[in-house]
Each structure stands twice: as C-alpha cells, then as structure tokens.
Amino acid sequence: MIVLGDQLDRGASAFDGFDAALDIVWMCEAAEESRHVWSSQQRIVMFLAAMRHFAAQLRDERVTVDYEELREGSLGDALAEAIARHRPERVRLTEPGDWRVAQALRSAVGNTPLDLCEDRHFLCDHAAFAAFARGRRTLRMEHFYRVMRRRHRILMDGDNPCGGRWNFDADNRAAFGPQGPGFLPPPARFEPDAITRQVITLVQARFGTHPGQADPFGWPVTRAQALQALRVFVDERLEHFGRWQDAMWPGEPWLYHAHLAAALNLKLLDPREAITAAESAWRAGRVPLAAAEGFIRQILGWREYVRGIYWQQMPGYADSNALQARHDLPAWYWSGETSMRCLADAIGQTLRHGYAHHIQRLMVTGLFALLYGVEPKQVHAWYLSVYVDAVEWVELPNTLGMSQFADGGLLASKPYVASGRYIERMSDHCRGCRFDPAARTGERACPFTTLYWDFLARHASRFAAHPRLAPQVRNLERIDASERAAIAARARDIRDDRVGHRDGDDQFD
C-alpha cells in the first residue's frame, strides 16, 4: 500500500485489512514534491521529518516499509519503479488530497489493480458535499456549517445551537489596543530529535537556496507531539482565542492561535479530536462558548467547506482569474524586505517559522496581493510554498476564493478589500511606519490605502450594485477627478516598484 506525506494516520482506510505478514507499505521522498513550487525549508522539514517518524512507527509495529529517502524525480516515476520492483497483486491507497498527485499516481499504477479508499479523516465526504451543493444557486460556508453542526450533533442543544446562536464571529474581532497583548502563554514547540535533526541537515544541504530557514524548527512531527500541542492549546490559549483571533501585534507570531493546521493536514491529528477537545472544554466551563465555537467553525465549517469546493471545482479552479489580475508577485514576498511594517513582519515570521495566522494571510499578505492585482496563480504558488500547513486542497480555495476573489464569488460572497486603516485598527504596525494609513496620495500615503481606492476605481462597474461592496464604491464617487488621477498615478508607482522598499533612512521604531 502507498502512504503519502500527508496521510500519516495509522487508522487510515487503506490500512483496513492490512496483513503485516503479506503486505508492505511504500513511502517516498520525491524531490519534485519540494520543487513543483519553491517550497520553503520549514515546509520541507515538516513533511520529511513527519514521514520518517511515521515510517519508524510502522517498523516498530513490524510492518515492512519500503521507504525511499530523498530521490530526484517525480513521485509517479518512483511509484512505477516500485511496482516493477515488487510486482504487487494490487495497490492500495487512501485517496490523495491533491488533484495533481491523484492523477500522477493513477497513471503510474498502470495496469495493476488500484484500490482507492475513502479518506475517513474528514467529516464530509464527496457525496455528502455534492448533496449539499445540489440545487443551490450559491454556496455559502455558513449554510454548510449549520448542516454539519446538525449532522454531527456538535455544539447543539437539542435541535438548536448552544447559546441560541450559530455563529459568535461578531464577538471575536477585538484588537489588543495600544497596550498590546501583555503576557502570552508559549506555544507548544518541540526540540528536534535525531531523526528531525538529520532531516534539517539534509534540507540545508539539498534545498539551501529555497525560501526561509530550516533551523530553528519546533513543529510537531509525531502523533504524540500533535496530541500534546492540542492539549496545550486547549488548556492555555483557547480561552482567549476567540476574542483575539483577528488581532495582530509586531514581533508576536503565535498569540492565542492553535498552530494545529499542519498536524491536522498531515493527519497526525484527527479533526474530531480537536473539535471534541474544544467542546468538552466549553461544557466543563473552562472556556467561553464564543472561543470554542470560533475554533470549531474553522475546522467543522471552513476546513470541510473548502475541501468540498476544491474537489467539486478541480481541475479548472486553479485557473480562476475573475478580476483579470496580471501583475507579477513583488520579489520582496520572498525576502520580506519592504518598508511596509505589517508586510515585513508577516513575511519575516513566515520565512522564519513557516507560519502566519489567518488574518495576516487574508488581510496583510493576501490583501496587498489582491489590491496590487497579482496574478492569482502566483499568489497560490507563494502560499503553497511558504507555509508548513499548506496542502493544495485547503490552500488553493483559501487563496483563489477567499483571499483573491479569483473565482468571482463562488466561495466567498465578497472580495475582502480594505485600506490601511483596517491594519491600523487591528495591530500596532502603523505606529512608527513611514506610511500614513489615512493618506491616499503623496509620499507618505500607505500603499494599502492607495491601492484600495485604485482597486475600487478599476472594478467600480463590477461592484457598483454589489450588496456588500456598493457603499465602498459610492465613497469612491465622492472623490474628485484630480485626486482620482493622483491615486492612479501613485498606484502605478507602487506597481513599478518605486514605493515600499527598505532604504538606509527607513527606521522601524
């Protein structure tokens, strides 16, 4: 049977009926999987270290594992060679999460019978999502989330949602204010053992020119570590997660977030375990309902919803570009060398840790790319490259649909556009920055603010009648023609790379 790098689950359906006396597990580290996008060193270490630990676990259980350590070439070529080597009667595989990988493996198997098993990790299978989508003019996560709550009896009081509300998002948008977050409990970080240290050394040698850095590394790479990370989050941070989940603060990458997405996406942790832990903490009176519901909605609602969209829409979804964005991603996305403090902070921590929380992704790095007009495929490639939790089924819809509105509103009801004032409200980044979030034009105008008004001008006809964006378009109409021309000119300067670089006089104090 085949075990892929994001299928590290001993309870996976492909293991049903596995006979250690007769069957073997095949695993492979194919270099192309780190190069089809320019994967960051943290992301490569995460996958390879977790794979090697899982293989070691299987061997401890006396399972025969044909494990191919880092080899050049593609996963499909490696599988074809393994089939020729072992001559199996059948090949068994839990369905891949990535369309590209699924097609490559089907092709590589050739005439050998293939048993493709359902992925039980998820709470909504493909048929159930298709049934939800059938006959609906629009798909909205909130409607899907309510269906899932009822189906799985999660946070329910009989037939009604606990607390009388389905969604406590309105309670979960607080900013820290000028005093900052104060004391923050440390995240669960894990000292690399001998296996992980070997991987770090390998990645530094073979992928040293890739973005970011391999060391220090502290992500969970075993199931035991993933369970510990879940316990630490529920015990120490979930109580405050809801209220502060949208807040940002310079130099504080972890805040009250869970940092569990990578463990979930590699299947070291089951989503049911995370959901049950959060609901149990609320029922025991340890955390507020708004915090538990907000966390559960990310997993039971959003995570399952984007997977459904991905498999319903692929492969054409990857080419979505409803706003006809054609600009190249600014080169400083790969270095963080920009004088916009919010972007320097978000990109810098991303390259160091392979992590940024959802508001940094949506309303800092993603927002700037949307306003700038970056080609969505380039934005997608960057997100898939740099984050340790990035696997395509979850990253692609989040990027193209939620962040870039490239699908024209299939996944999200509106483009998430805002000026620099949003970042000023939700963080301390603007204090001491060389740019003024209130200014649209001039040397000190915040690029977010300039590009926000430029975005509205470029897409005014599309959104003039939009139920949620029309008020913003009407605000644009109040700006006189000369200032609109100045906004357009400064937007061109920003795209021509004449605004936003660090220079010797730029200070971050």
Protein backbone atom coordinates (compact mmCIF):
# COMPACT_ATOMS: atom_id res chain seq x y z
CA MET A 1 0.00 0.00 0.00
CA ILE A 2 1.02 3.63 -0.58
CA VAL A 3 1.30 6.15 2.25
CA LEU A 4 1.70 9.74 1.11
CA GLY A 5 3.36 12.51 3.09
CA ASP A 6 0.02 13.97 4.19
CA GLN A 7 -1.52 10.59 5.13
CA LEU A 8 0.37 9.81 8.32
CA ASP A 9 -2.58 8.11 10.04
CA ARG A 10 -2.37 4.52 11.27
CA GLY A 11 -6.17 4.43 11.22
CA ALA A 12 -6.42 5.44 7.56
CA SER A 13 -8.83 3.39 5.47
CA ALA A 14 -6.03 1.95 3.34
CA PHE A 15 -4.82 0.07 6.44
CA ASP A 16 -8.15 -1.79 6.75
CA GLY A 17 -7.34 -5.48 6.39
CA PHE A 18 -3.60 -4.82 6.21
CA ASP A 19 -1.67 -8.05 6.84
CA ALA A 20 1.86 -7.37 8.08
CA ALA A 21 2.88 -10.89 7.08
CA LEU A 22 1.97 -10.35 3.44
CA ASP A 23 1.64 -6.64 2.71
CA ILE A 24 4.20 -3.85 2.50
CA VAL A 25 3.98 -0.08 2.83
CA TRP A 26 5.67 2.10 0.22
CA MET A 27 6.70 5.67 1.07
CA CYS A 28 8.86 8.01 -0.96
CA GLU A 29 10.55 11.39 -0.59
CA ALA A 30 10.43 12.66 -4.18
CA ALA A 31 12.41 15.86 -4.75
CA GLU A 32 9.84 17.13 -7.24
CA GLU A 33 7.32 17.46 -4.41
CA SER A 34 9.56 20.16 -2.93
CA ARG A 35 10.21 21.82 -6.27
CA HIS A 36 6.95 21.92 -8.23
CA VAL A 37 6.52 25.05 -6.14
CA TRP A 38 9.56 26.64 -4.49
CA SER A 39 8.85 25.07 -1.09
CA SER A 40 10.26 26.75 1.97
CA GLN A 41 12.82 24.93 4.06
CA GLN A 42 10.48 24.81 7.08
CA ARG A 43 7.76 23.17 4.96
CA ILE A 44 10.15 20.56 3.55
CA VAL A 45 11.46 19.70 7.02
CA MET A 46 7.90 19.37 8.32
CA PHE A 47 6.91 16.83 5.67
CA LEU A 48 10.11 14.78 5.61
CA ALA A 49 10.53 14.62 9.40
CA ALA A 50 6.91 13.60 9.91
CA MET A 51 7.17 10.95 7.18
CA ARG A 52 10.34 9.44 8.66
CA HIS A 53 8.84 9.31 12.13
CA PHE A 54 5.73 7.59 10.80
CA ALA A 55 7.85 5.04 8.94
CA ALA A 56 9.78 4.36 12.14
CA GLN A 57 6.49 3.83 13.99
CA LEU A 58 5.37 1.30 11.39
CA ARG A 59 8.66 -0.58 11.60
CA ASP A 60 8.29 -0.72 15.40
CA GLU A 61 4.97 -2.48 14.71
CA ARG A 62 6.84 -4.99 12.49
CA VAL A 63 5.35 -3.56 9.31
CA THR A 64 7.57 -3.93 6.26
CA VAL A 65 8.24 -0.44 4.87
CA ASP A 66 9.91 0.24 1.55
CA TYR A 67 10.97 3.81 2.31
CA GLU A 68 12.82 5.75 -0.37
CA GLU A 69 14.76 8.62 1.13
CA LEU A 70 15.12 11.81 -0.84
CA ARG A 71 15.49 10.94 -4.50
CA GLU A 72 15.43 13.01 -7.65
CA GLY A 73 12.46 12.85 -9.98
CA SER A 74 8.74 12.63 -9.55
CA LEU A 75 6.53 10.65 -7.20
CA GLY A 76 4.86 8.98 -10.18
CA ASP A 77 8.15 7.77 -11.64
CA ALA A 78 9.22 6.44 -8.24
CA LEU A 79 5.92 4.55 -7.85
CA ALA A 80 6.21 2.99 -11.30
CA GLU A 81 9.69 1.73 -10.40
CA ALA A 82 8.44 0.39 -7.05
CA ILE A 83 5.62 -1.52 -8.77
CA ALA A 84 8.11 -3.04 -11.23
CA ARG A 85 10.34 -3.98 -8.29
CA HIS A 86 7.69 -5.56 -6.03
CA ARG A 87 5.18 -6.79 -8.64
CA PRO A 88 2.19 -6.46 -6.27
CA GLU A 89 -1.15 -8.14 -6.94
CA ARG A 90 -2.91 -4.89 -6.05
CA VAL A 91 -2.02 -1.35 -4.98
CA ARG A 92 -4.00 0.19 -2.14
CA LEU A 93 -4.14 3.92 -1.43
CA THR A 94 -6.19 6.32 0.65
CA GLU A 95 -7.49 8.91 -1.82
CA PRO A 96 -4.92 11.72 -2.24
CA GLY A 97 -5.92 15.22 -1.19
CA ASP A 98 -4.15 16.85 -4.15
CA TRP A 99 -5.61 16.63 -7.67
CA ARG A 100 -2.14 16.68 -9.27
CA VAL A 101 -0.87 13.82 -7.12
CA ALA A 102 -4.02 11.76 -7.67
CA GLN A 103 -3.67 11.97 -11.44
CA ALA A 104 0.06 11.18 -11.36
CA LEU A 105 -0.39 8.09 -9.18
CA ARG A 106 -3.29 6.74 -11.22
CA SER A 107 -1.10 6.99 -14.30
CA ALA A 108 1.91 5.41 -12.58
CA VAL A 109 -0.05 2.37 -11.38
CA GLY A 110 -0.70 1.37 -14.98
CA ASN A 111 -2.48 -1.98 -15.33
CA THR A 112 -2.01 -3.01 -11.71
CA PRO A 113 -5.41 -3.04 -9.94
CA LEU A 114 -5.80 0.04 -7.71
CA ASP A 115 -7.95 0.15 -4.58
CA LEU A 116 -8.67 3.81 -3.89
CA CYS A 117 -10.04 4.11 -0.34
CA GLU A 118 -12.16 6.92 1.07
CA ASP A 119 -10.35 9.35 3.36
CA ARG A 120 -12.14 8.94 6.71
CA HIS A 121 -10.19 11.83 8.19
CA PHE A 122 -12.88 14.25 7.01
CA LEU A 123 -16.39 14.71 8.38
CA CYS A 124 -17.98 15.38 4.98
CA ASP A 125 -17.27 13.03 2.09
CA HIS A 126 -17.52 14.00 -1.56
CA ALA A 127 -21.03 12.58 -1.99
CA ALA A 128 -22.32 14.47 1.06
CA PHE A 129 -20.87 17.75 -0.19
CA ALA A 130 -22.35 17.17 -3.64
CA ALA A 131 -25.74 16.58 -2.00
CA PHE A 132 -25.38 19.84 -0.05
CA ALA A 133 -24.45 21.77 -3.20
CA ARG A 134 -27.12 20.26 -5.45
CA GLY A 135 -29.77 22.76 -6.49
CA ARG A 136 -28.22 25.73 -4.65
CA ARG A 137 -27.71 28.92 -6.67
CA THR A 138 -24.88 29.96 -4.35
CA LEU A 139 -22.69 28.06 -1.92
CA ARG A 140 -22.03 29.67 1.44
CA MET A 141 -19.96 28.31 4.27
CA GLU A 142 -22.43 29.46 6.92
CA HIS A 143 -25.21 27.31 5.45
CA PHE A 144 -22.85 24.34 5.14
CA TYR A 145 -21.63 24.83 8.71
CA ARG A 146 -25.16 24.62 10.11
CA VAL A 147 -25.78 21.42 8.18
CA MET A 148 -22.58 19.96 9.65
CA ARG A 149 -23.44 21.05 13.20
CA ARG A 150 -26.81 19.32 12.96
CA ARG A 151 -25.46 16.21 11.24
CA HIS A 152 -22.69 15.60 13.76
CA ARG A 153 -24.52 16.96 16.83
CA ILE A 154 -21.73 19.37 17.69
CA LEU A 155 -22.45 22.35 19.99
CA MET A 156 -26.15 21.52 19.83
CA ASP A 157 -28.85 21.83 22.46
CA GLY A 158 -31.46 19.50 21.04
CA ASP A 159 -32.30 20.91 17.62
CA ASN A 160 -30.94 24.36 18.45
CA PRO A 161 -27.40 25.72 18.57
CA CYS A 162 -25.90 26.07 22.03
CA GLY A 163 -26.21 29.62 23.27
CA GLY A 164 -29.03 30.32 20.80
CA ARG A 165 -26.66 31.40 18.01
CA TRP A 166 -24.89 29.52 15.25
CA ASN A 167 -22.03 31.95 14.93
CA PHE A 168 -20.24 34.10 17.51
CA ASP A 169 -17.93 35.77 15.00
CA ALA A 170 -19.14 39.24 15.98
CA ASP A 171 -17.73 38.60 19.49
CA ASN A 172 -14.36 37.55 18.10
CA ARG A 173 -12.94 40.66 16.43
CA ALA A 174 -11.21 42.56 19.21
CA ALA A 175 -7.86 44.33 18.81
CA PHE A 176 -5.28 44.48 21.57
CA GLY A 177 -5.21 48.26 21.69
CA PRO A 178 -2.11 50.37 22.39
CA GLN A 179 -1.19 48.31 25.45
CA GLY A 180 -0.52 45.21 23.36
CA PRO A 181 -1.33 41.60 24.20
CA GLY A 182 0.52 41.52 27.52
CA PHE A 183 1.53 38.08 28.80
CA LEU A 184 1.24 35.34 26.19
CA PRO A 185 1.48 31.64 27.02
CA PRO A 186 4.23 30.00 24.99
CA PRO A 187 3.21 27.76 22.10
CA ALA A 188 3.91 24.05 22.08
CA ARG A 189 7.30 23.74 20.37
CA PHE A 190 9.30 20.51 20.18
CA GLU A 191 13.06 20.09 20.29
CA PRO A 192 14.16 18.17 17.20
CA ASP A 193 15.25 14.60 17.90
CA ALA A 194 17.90 12.71 15.94
CA ILE A 195 15.56 11.96 13.02
CA THR A 196 14.45 15.57 12.67
CA ARG A 197 17.99 16.89 13.05
CA GLN A 198 19.09 14.58 10.23
CA VAL A 199 16.30 15.99 8.06
CA ILE A 200 17.25 19.58 8.90
CA THR A 201 20.83 18.89 7.82
CA LEU A 202 19.59 17.24 4.62
CA VAL A 203 17.31 20.14 3.75
CA GLN A 204 20.04 22.69 4.38
CA ALA A 205 22.32 20.78 2.01
CA ARG A 206 19.82 19.94 -0.75
CA PHE A 207 17.40 22.87 -0.54
CA GLY A 208 19.55 25.60 0.97
CA THR A 209 18.58 28.10 -1.74
CA HIS A 210 14.87 27.65 -1.02
CA PRO A 211 12.99 30.34 0.94
CA GLY A 212 13.30 30.70 4.68
CA GLN A 213 15.39 28.62 7.01
CA ALA A 214 15.31 25.03 8.22
CA ASP A 215 16.52 25.77 11.74
CA PRO A 216 15.24 26.51 14.35
CA PHE A 217 12.39 24.05 13.88
CA GLY A 218 9.81 23.18 16.54
CA TRP A 219 6.68 21.82 14.84
CA PRO A 220 5.03 18.55 15.96
CA VAL A 221 6.12 15.71 13.68
CA THR A 222 4.65 12.73 15.56
CA ARG A 223 1.17 11.88 16.70
CA ALA A 224 2.22 12.11 20.36
CA GLN A 225 3.54 15.62 19.80
CA ALA A 226 0.39 16.63 17.92
CA LEU A 227 -1.80 15.46 20.79
CA GLN A 228 0.39 17.37 23.23
CA ALA A 229 0.09 20.53 21.09
CA LEU A 230 -3.70 20.17 21.13
CA ARG A 231 -3.74 19.81 24.93
CA VAL A 232 -1.52 22.85 25.40
CA PHE A 233 -3.73 24.97 23.15
CA VAL A 234 -6.97 23.97 24.86
CA ASP A 235 -5.51 24.36 28.35
CA GLU A 236 -3.60 27.61 27.84
CA ARG A 237 -4.87 29.60 24.84
CA LEU A 238 -8.32 28.54 23.70
CA GLU A 239 -9.95 30.66 26.42
CA HIS A 240 -8.69 33.81 24.69
CA PHE A 241 -8.53 32.55 21.11
CA GLY A 242 -11.99 33.76 20.14
CA ARG A 243 -11.72 37.33 21.30
CA TRP A 244 -8.24 37.93 19.89
CA GLN A 245 -8.26 35.69 16.79
CA ASP A 246 -8.23 38.68 14.38
CA ALA A 247 -5.68 40.76 16.30
CA MET A 248 -2.07 41.27 15.24
CA TRP A 249 0.99 42.55 17.07
CA PRO A 250 4.53 43.18 15.76
CA GLY A 251 7.05 40.53 16.69
CA GLU A 252 4.41 38.20 18.14
CA PRO A 253 3.79 35.41 15.63
CA TRP A 254 1.98 32.93 17.90
CA LEU A 255 -0.51 34.92 20.02
CA TYR A 256 -3.54 32.79 21.05
CA HIS A 257 -3.76 30.68 17.90
CA ALA A 258 -3.75 26.88 17.85
CA HIS A 259 -0.89 26.14 15.40
CA LEU A 260 -2.51 22.76 14.72
CA ALA A 261 -3.26 23.04 11.00
CA ALA A 262 -0.06 21.30 9.88
CA ALA A 263 -0.67 18.36 12.24
CA LEU A 264 -4.27 18.12 11.02
CA ASN A 265 -3.32 18.33 7.35
CA LEU A 266 -0.61 15.66 7.65
CA LYS A 267 -3.19 13.50 9.55
CA LEU A 268 -1.16 13.34 12.75
CA LEU A 269 -4.30 14.66 14.44
CA ASP A 270 -7.92 13.86 13.67
CA PRO A 271 -10.29 16.85 13.39
CA ARG A 272 -12.79 15.05 15.63
CA GLU A 273 -10.21 15.08 18.42
CA ALA A 274 -9.74 18.83 18.12
CA ILE A 275 -13.49 19.51 17.93
CA THR A 276 -14.26 17.25 20.90
CA ALA A 277 -11.50 18.80 22.99
CA ALA A 278 -12.82 22.33 22.38
CA GLU A 279 -16.47 21.44 23.00
CA SER A 280 -15.59 19.49 26.15
CA ALA A 281 -13.61 22.46 27.48
CA TRP A 282 -16.65 24.71 26.99
CA ARG A 283 -19.08 22.23 28.57
CA ALA A 284 -16.73 21.94 31.55
CA GLY A 285 -16.85 25.74 31.98
CA ARG A 286 -13.18 26.21 31.14
CA VAL A 287 -13.57 28.41 28.04
CA PRO A 288 -16.25 30.79 26.71
CA LEU A 289 -18.70 29.50 24.12
CA ALA A 290 -17.57 32.16 21.64
CA ALA A 291 -13.99 30.83 21.81
CA ALA A 292 -14.97 27.18 21.40
CA GLU A 293 -17.44 27.94 18.61
CA GLY A 294 -14.96 30.11 16.72
CA PHE A 295 -12.33 27.38 16.82
CA ILE A 296 -14.76 24.61 15.89
CA ARG A 297 -16.13 26.67 12.98
CA GLN A 298 -12.65 26.84 11.45
CA ILE A 299 -12.45 23.02 11.39
CA LEU A 300 -16.01 21.70 11.05
CA GLY A 301 -17.12 24.59 8.86
CA TRP A 302 -14.39 26.26 6.86
CA ARG A 303 -11.89 23.39 6.52
CA GLU A 304 -14.52 20.91 5.34
CA TYR A 305 -16.17 23.51 3.11
CA VAL A 306 -13.02 24.43 1.17
CA ARG A 307 -12.23 20.75 0.62
CA GLY A 308 -15.68 20.28 -0.87
CA ILE A 309 -15.20 23.28 -3.15
CA TYR A 310 -11.75 22.04 -4.22
CA TRP A 311 -12.93 18.61 -5.34
CA GLN A 312 -16.11 19.94 -6.88
CA GLN A 313 -14.28 22.53 -8.99
CA MET A 314 -10.91 20.99 -9.92
CA PRO A 315 -9.01 20.98 -12.17
CA GLY A 316 -10.35 24.18 -13.75
CA TYR A 317 -10.50 26.02 -10.42
CA ALA A 318 -6.71 26.52 -10.41
CA ASP A 319 -7.00 28.77 -13.49
CA SER A 320 -9.64 31.08 -11.97
CA ASN A 321 -8.94 34.78 -12.51
CA ALA A 322 -12.29 36.58 -12.40
CA LEU A 323 -10.73 40.01 -11.81
CA GLN A 324 -8.20 39.54 -14.64
CA ALA A 325 -5.23 40.24 -12.37
CA ARG A 326 -2.00 40.05 -14.37
CA HIS A 327 0.83 41.60 -12.32
CA ASP A 328 3.78 39.61 -11.02
CA LEU A 329 4.15 38.95 -7.32
CA PRO A 330 6.61 41.54 -5.89
CA ALA A 331 10.03 39.96 -5.40
CA TRP A 332 10.14 41.06 -1.75
CA TYR A 333 7.44 38.49 -0.90
CA TRP A 334 10.36 36.03 -0.90
CA SER A 335 12.58 38.16 1.38
CA GLY A 336 10.35 40.41 3.50
CA GLU A 337 12.49 43.39 2.52
CA THR A 338 9.83 46.07 2.37
CA SER A 339 9.35 49.22 4.40
CA MET A 340 5.67 48.44 4.99
CA ARG A 341 5.91 47.27 8.58
CA CYS A 342 2.91 44.97 8.52
CA LEU A 343 4.16 43.12 5.45
CA ALA A 344 7.76 42.97 6.68
CA ASP A 345 6.56 41.44 9.94
CA ALA A 346 4.15 38.92 8.39
CA ILE A 347 6.56 37.80 5.67
CA GLY A 348 9.55 37.77 8.01
CA GLN A 349 7.85 35.46 10.51
CA THR A 350 6.54 33.33 7.63
CA LEU A 351 10.06 32.74 6.35
CA ARG A 352 11.41 32.07 9.85
CA HIS A 353 8.65 29.76 11.09
CA GLY A 354 6.59 28.71 8.07
CA TYR A 355 3.62 30.26 9.82
CA ALA A 356 1.34 33.29 9.90
CA HIS A 357 -2.16 33.35 11.34
CA HIS A 358 -5.28 33.70 9.24
CA ILE A 359 -5.65 37.49 9.45
CA GLN A 360 -2.02 38.02 8.48
CA ARG A 361 -2.65 35.79 5.47
CA LEU A 362 -6.03 37.24 4.48
CA MET A 363 -5.71 40.91 5.46
CA VAL A 364 -1.98 41.59 5.09
CA THR A 365 -0.16 39.43 2.54
CA GLY A 366 -3.33 38.39 0.72
CA LEU A 367 -4.95 41.83 0.80
CA PHE A 368 -1.89 43.52 -0.64
CA ALA A 369 -1.68 40.97 -3.49
CA LEU A 370 -5.39 41.45 -4.25
CA LEU A 371 -5.19 45.25 -4.30
CA TYR A 372 -1.95 45.18 -6.28
CA GLY A 373 -3.54 42.89 -8.88
CA VAL A 374 -1.16 39.92 -8.69
CA GLU A 375 -1.96 37.01 -10.99
CA PRO A 376 -3.80 34.54 -8.71
CA LYS A 377 -1.68 31.54 -9.73
CA GLN A 378 1.42 33.35 -8.47
CA VAL A 379 -0.26 34.13 -5.15
CA HIS A 380 -1.31 30.48 -4.89
CA ALA A 381 2.23 29.29 -5.59
CA TRP A 382 3.62 31.56 -2.87
CA TYR A 383 1.17 30.38 -0.20
CA LEU A 384 1.68 26.74 -1.15
CA SER A 385 5.44 27.29 -0.97
CA VAL A 386 5.93 29.05 2.34
CA TYR A 387 3.54 27.61 4.95
CA VAL A 388 4.12 24.35 6.81
CA ASP A 389 0.37 23.64 6.79
CA ALA A 390 -0.04 24.22 3.04
CA VAL A 391 -1.54 21.31 1.11
CA GLU A 392 -3.32 22.20 -2.08
CA TRP A 393 -6.88 21.09 -1.27
CA VAL A 394 -7.08 23.62 1.55
CA GLU A 395 -4.63 26.28 0.36
CA LEU A 396 -5.91 26.74 -3.21
CA PRO A 397 -9.56 27.60 -2.39
CA ASN A 398 -8.49 29.78 0.52
CA THR A 399 -6.11 31.71 -1.74
CA LEU A 400 -8.03 31.93 -5.00
CA GLY A 401 -11.51 32.11 -3.48
CA MET A 402 -11.28 33.76 -0.08
CA SER A 403 -8.17 35.90 -0.46
CA GLN A 404 -8.04 36.86 -4.15
CA PHE A 405 -11.73 36.60 -5.19
CA ALA A 406 -10.42 34.91 -8.32
CA ASP A 407 -13.42 32.59 -8.52
CA GLY A 408 -15.77 35.57 -8.82
CA GLY A 409 -17.66 34.86 -5.60
CA LEU A 410 -18.15 31.09 -5.69
CA LEU A 411 -16.52 30.53 -2.32
CA ALA A 412 -16.85 33.93 -0.60
CA SER A 413 -19.62 36.48 -1.07
CA LYS A 414 -17.32 39.50 -1.45
CA PRO A 415 -13.69 40.43 -2.02
CA TYR A 416 -12.01 41.18 1.30
CA VAL A 417 -10.71 44.65 0.50
CA ALA A 418 -9.77 47.34 2.98
CA SER A 419 -7.44 50.30 3.28
CA GLY A 420 -4.50 50.63 5.65
CA ARG A 421 -6.99 51.80 8.28
CA TYR A 422 -8.01 48.17 8.88
CA ILE A 423 -4.43 47.20 9.71
CA GLU A 424 -4.11 50.28 11.92
CA ARG A 425 -7.21 49.21 13.84
CA MET A 426 -6.19 45.58 14.30
CA SER A 427 -2.50 45.99 15.08
CA ASP A 428 0.31 48.30 16.15
CA HIS A 429 2.08 48.09 12.80
CA CYS A 430 1.21 51.60 11.66
CA ARG A 431 2.78 53.32 14.66
CA GLY A 432 6.30 54.23 13.59
CA CYS A 433 5.77 53.14 9.98
CA ARG A 434 6.89 55.61 7.32
CA PHE A 435 3.42 55.43 5.70
CA ASP A 436 0.17 57.05 6.83
CA PRO A 437 -2.85 54.72 6.58
CA ALA A 438 -5.19 57.73 6.32
CA ALA A 439 -3.46 59.18 3.24
CA ARG A 440 -4.46 58.17 -0.28
CA THR A 441 -1.87 60.20 -2.19
CA GLY A 442 1.52 61.77 -1.58
CA GLU A 443 4.87 60.48 -0.43
CA ARG A 444 3.56 59.21 2.90
CA ALA A 445 0.39 57.57 1.59
CA CYS A 446 0.08 53.98 2.73
CA PRO A 447 0.33 51.66 -0.30
CA PHE A 448 -2.61 49.65 1.06
CA THR A 449 -4.76 52.78 1.10
CA THR A 450 -3.70 53.98 -2.34
CA LEU A 451 -4.23 50.55 -3.86
CA TYR A 452 -7.58 50.13 -2.09
CA TRP A 453 -9.01 53.19 -3.82
CA ASP A 454 -7.34 52.19 -7.07
CA PHE A 455 -8.94 48.72 -6.78
CA LEU A 456 -12.39 50.26 -6.35
CA ALA A 457 -11.81 52.53 -9.34
CA ARG A 458 -10.65 49.68 -11.56
CA HIS A 459 -13.58 47.45 -10.60
CA ALA A 460 -16.29 50.04 -9.94
CA SER A 461 -18.62 48.78 -12.66
CA ARG A 462 -18.40 45.22 -11.37
CA PHE A 463 -19.18 46.07 -7.76
CA ALA A 464 -21.43 49.15 -8.07
CA ALA A 465 -24.52 47.03 -7.41
CA HIS A 466 -22.88 44.51 -5.11
CA PRO A 467 -24.94 44.29 -1.89
CA ARG A 468 -21.88 44.45 0.36
CA LEU A 469 -19.38 46.45 -1.70
CA ALA A 470 -21.65 49.10 -3.23
CA PRO A 471 -21.26 51.51 -0.26
CA GLN A 472 -17.47 51.47 -0.76
CA VAL A 473 -17.91 52.23 -4.46
CA ARG A 474 -20.19 55.15 -3.59
CA ASN A 475 -17.47 56.51 -1.31
CA LEU A 476 -15.13 56.43 -4.29
CA GLU A 477 -17.56 58.55 -6.29
CA ARG A 478 -17.19 61.34 -3.73
CA ILE A 479 -13.51 61.77 -4.58
CA ASP A 480 -12.89 64.46 -7.19
CA ALA A 481 -11.33 63.69 -10.57
CA SER A 482 -7.94 65.25 -9.82
CA GLU A 483 -7.42 63.15 -6.70
CA ARG A 484 -8.54 60.03 -8.51
CA ALA A 485 -5.87 60.74 -11.12
CA ALA A 486 -3.30 61.17 -8.35
CA ILE A 487 -4.37 57.84 -6.81
CA ALA A 488 -3.96 56.10 -10.17
CA ALA A 489 -0.52 57.66 -10.68
CA ARG A 490 0.73 56.61 -7.25
CA ALA A 491 -0.70 53.11 -7.78
CA ARG A 492 1.39 52.89 -10.95
CA ASP A 493 4.47 53.95 -8.99
CA ILE A 494 3.80 51.22 -6.43
CA ARG A 495 3.49 48.59 -9.16
CA ASP A 496 6.58 49.94 -10.89
CA ASP A 497 8.43 49.16 -7.65
CA ARG A 498 9.20 52.79 -6.84
CA VAL A 499 7.43 52.68 -3.44
CA GLY A 500 7.77 50.40 -0.45
CA HIS A 501 11.41 49.28 -0.40
CA ARG A 502 13.55 49.49 2.68
CA ASP A 503 16.32 52.01 2.43
CA GLY A 504 19.08 53.29 4.63
CA ASP A 505 16.92 56.03 6.13
CA ASP A 506 13.99 53.77 6.92
CA GLN A 507 13.63 53.11 10.63
CA PHE A 508 11.35 50.60 12.39
CA ASP A 509 10.99 52.08 15.84
